[in-house]
Amino acid sequence: MVKWSEWSSAWRSGKGSRNYDSVIMIGIVESDNPPLQLVMGREALQNAKDRIGPHLKDIGQWADVTISADFDETYPIEFPK
């Protein structure tokens, strides 16, 4: 089996290389802890952050209400504003 280091040195040809996506994917497959989801490139990363950010903000603001749904928790007195 070809290792990541061999592929990386053989195929990496600089910024924006079409081959580099393949090198990354091979490295992910060989890794011990591959991501469940991966975005590739600056623009894709920013788009993902822009899309996920508002959801994370809502989750954080409503965390007390969310936790209060557990049977052993007290219901919060106030909802977030």
C-alpha atoms as a PDB file:
ATOM      1  CA  MET A   1       0.000   0.000   0.000  1.00  0.00           C
ATOM      2  CA  VAL A   2       1.278   3.470  -0.891  1.00  0.00           C
ATOM      3  CA  LYS A   3       1.661   5.688   2.174  1.00  0.00           C
ATOM      4  CA  TRP A   4       0.552   9.294   2.546  1.00  0.00           C
ATOM      5  CA  SER A   5       4.101  10.638   2.551  1.00  0.00           C
ATOM      6  CA  GLU A   6       4.870   8.952  -0.767  1.00  0.00           C
ATOM      7  CA  TRP A   7       1.725  10.270  -2.428  1.00  0.00           C
ATOM      8  CA  SER A   8       2.198  13.712  -0.957  1.00  0.00           C
ATOM      9  CA  SER A   9       5.715  14.153  -2.253  1.00  0.00           C
ATOM     10  CA  ALA A  10       4.909  12.616  -5.627  1.00  0.00           C
ATOM     11  CA  TRP A  11       1.675  14.429  -6.406  1.00  0.00           C
ATOM     12  CA  ARG A  12       1.606  17.739  -4.593  1.00  0.00           C
ATOM     13  CA  SER A  13       2.235  20.374  -7.193  1.00  0.00           C
ATOM     14  CA  GLY A  14       1.228  23.576  -5.474  1.00  0.00           C
ATOM     15  CA  LYS A  15      -1.779  25.729  -4.692  1.00  0.00           C
ATOM     16  CA  GLY A  16      -4.981  24.722  -6.411  1.00  0.00           C
ATOM     17  CA  SER A  17      -3.617  21.452  -7.739  1.00  0.00           C
ATOM     18  CA  ARG A  18      -6.280  19.052  -8.955  1.00  0.00           C
ATOM     19  CA  ASN A  19      -4.034  16.229  -7.806  1.00  0.00           C
ATOM     20  CA  TYR A  20      -3.843  17.572  -4.261  1.00  0.00           C
ATOM     21  CA  ASP A  21      -7.523  16.805  -3.582  1.00  0.00           C
ATOM     22  CA  SER A  22      -6.730  13.175  -4.359  1.00  0.00           C
ATOM     23  CA  VAL A  23      -3.701  13.259  -2.082  1.00  0.00           C
ATOM     24  CA  ILE A  24      -5.843  14.644   0.743  1.00  0.00           C
ATOM     25  CA  MET A  25      -8.507  11.971   0.241  1.00  0.00           C
ATOM     26  CA  ILE A  26      -5.932   9.185   0.305  1.00  0.00           C
ATOM     27  CA  GLY A  27      -4.474  10.637   3.502  1.00  0.00           C
ATOM     28  CA  ILE A  28      -7.943  10.738   5.050  1.00  0.00           C
ATOM     29  CA  VAL A  29      -8.623   7.131   4.131  1.00  0.00           C
ATOM     30  CA  GLU A  30      -5.326   6.109   5.733  1.00  0.00           C
ATOM     31  CA  SER A  31      -5.880   8.216   8.858  1.00  0.00           C
ATOM     32  CA  ASP A  32      -6.879   6.767  12.226  1.00  0.00           C
ATOM     33  CA  ASN A  33      -9.595   9.381  12.769  1.00  0.00           C
ATOM     34  CA  PRO A  34     -11.189  10.443   9.468  1.00  0.00           C
ATOM     35  CA  PRO A  35     -13.722  13.290   9.558  1.00  0.00           C
ATOM     36  CA  LEU A  36     -17.409  12.561   9.122  1.00  0.00           C
ATOM     37  CA  GLN A  37     -17.625  15.611   6.888  1.00  0.00           C
ATOM     38  CA  LEU A  38     -14.884  17.562   5.172  1.00  0.00           C
ATOM     39  CA  VAL A  39     -15.029  20.816   3.264  1.00  0.00           C
ATOM     40  CA  MET A  40     -12.153  21.537   0.943  1.00  0.00           C
ATOM     41  CA  GLY A  41     -10.894  24.998   0.126  1.00  0.00           C
ATOM     42  CA  ARG A  42     -11.147  28.434   1.732  1.00  0.00           C
ATOM     43  CA  GLU A  43     -14.419  29.358   0.088  1.00  0.00           C
ATOM     44  CA  ALA A  44     -16.058  26.063   1.062  1.00  0.00           C
ATOM     45  CA  LEU A  45     -14.835  26.489   4.641  1.00  0.00           C
ATOM     46  CA  GLN A  46     -16.219  30.010   4.874  1.00  0.00           C
ATOM     47  CA  ASN A  47     -19.530  28.920   3.361  1.00  0.00           C
ATOM     48  CA  ALA A  48     -19.813  26.110   5.918  1.00  0.00           C
ATOM     49  CA  LYS A  49     -19.023  28.485   8.795  1.00  0.00           C
ATOM     50  CA  ASP A  50     -21.552  31.015   7.501  1.00  0.00           C
ATOM     51  CA  ARG A  51     -24.227  28.344   7.307  1.00  0.00           C
ATOM     52  CA  ILE A  52     -23.482  26.609  10.623  1.00  0.00           C
ATOM     53  CA  GLY A  53     -22.742  29.748  12.662  1.00  0.00           C
ATOM     54  CA  PRO A  54     -26.354  30.902  13.156  1.00  0.00           C
ATOM     55  CA  HIS A  55     -27.381  27.385  14.177  1.00  0.00           C
ATOM     56  CA  LEU A  56     -24.637  27.202  16.802  1.00  0.00           C
ATOM     57  CA  LYS A  57     -25.658  30.624  18.113  1.00  0.00           C
ATOM     58  CA  ASP A  58     -29.278  29.483  18.505  1.00  0.00           C
ATOM     59  CA  ILE A  59     -28.221  26.250  20.175  1.00  0.00           C
ATOM     60  CA  GLY A  60     -26.110  28.187  22.652  1.00  0.00           C
ATOM     61  CA  GLN A  61     -28.809  30.744  23.422  1.00  0.00           C
ATOM     62  CA  TRP A  62     -31.426  28.063  24.011  1.00  0.00           C
ATOM     63  CA  ALA A  63     -29.174  25.595  25.868  1.00  0.00           C
ATOM     64  CA  ASP A  64     -30.961  26.066  29.215  1.00  0.00           C
ATOM     65  CA  VAL A  65     -34.332  25.386  27.599  1.00  0.00           C
ATOM     66  CA  THR A  66     -32.894  22.354  25.820  1.00  0.00           C
ATOM     67  CA  ILE A  67     -31.448  20.923  29.044  1.00  0.00           C
ATOM     68  CA  SER A  68     -34.719  21.570  30.856  1.00  0.00           C
ATOM     69  CA  ALA A  69     -36.343  18.965  28.618  1.00  0.00           C
ATOM     70  CA  ASP A  70     -34.559  16.282  30.681  1.00  0.00           C
ATOM     71  CA  PHE A  71     -36.830  14.871  33.382  1.00  0.00           C
ATOM     72  CA  ASP A  72     -34.417  15.635  36.218  1.00  0.00           C
ATOM     73  CA  GLU A  73     -33.981  19.311  35.299  1.00  0.00           C
ATOM     74  CA  THR A  74     -35.957  22.385  36.380  1.00  0.00           C
ATOM     75  CA  TYR A  75     -37.770  24.231  33.637  1.00  0.00           C
ATOM     76  CA  PRO A  76     -36.143  27.638  32.998  1.00  0.00           C
ATOM     77  CA  ILE A  77     -38.060  30.683  34.143  1.00  0.00           C
ATOM     78  CA  GLU A  78     -37.231  32.839  31.107  1.00  0.00           C
ATOM     79  CA  PHE A  79     -36.724  32.145  27.445  1.00  0.00           C
ATOM     80  CA  PRO A  80     -33.817  33.857  25.685  1.00  0.00           C
ATOM     81  CA  LYS A  81     -34.557  37.258  24.200  1.00  0.00           C
END
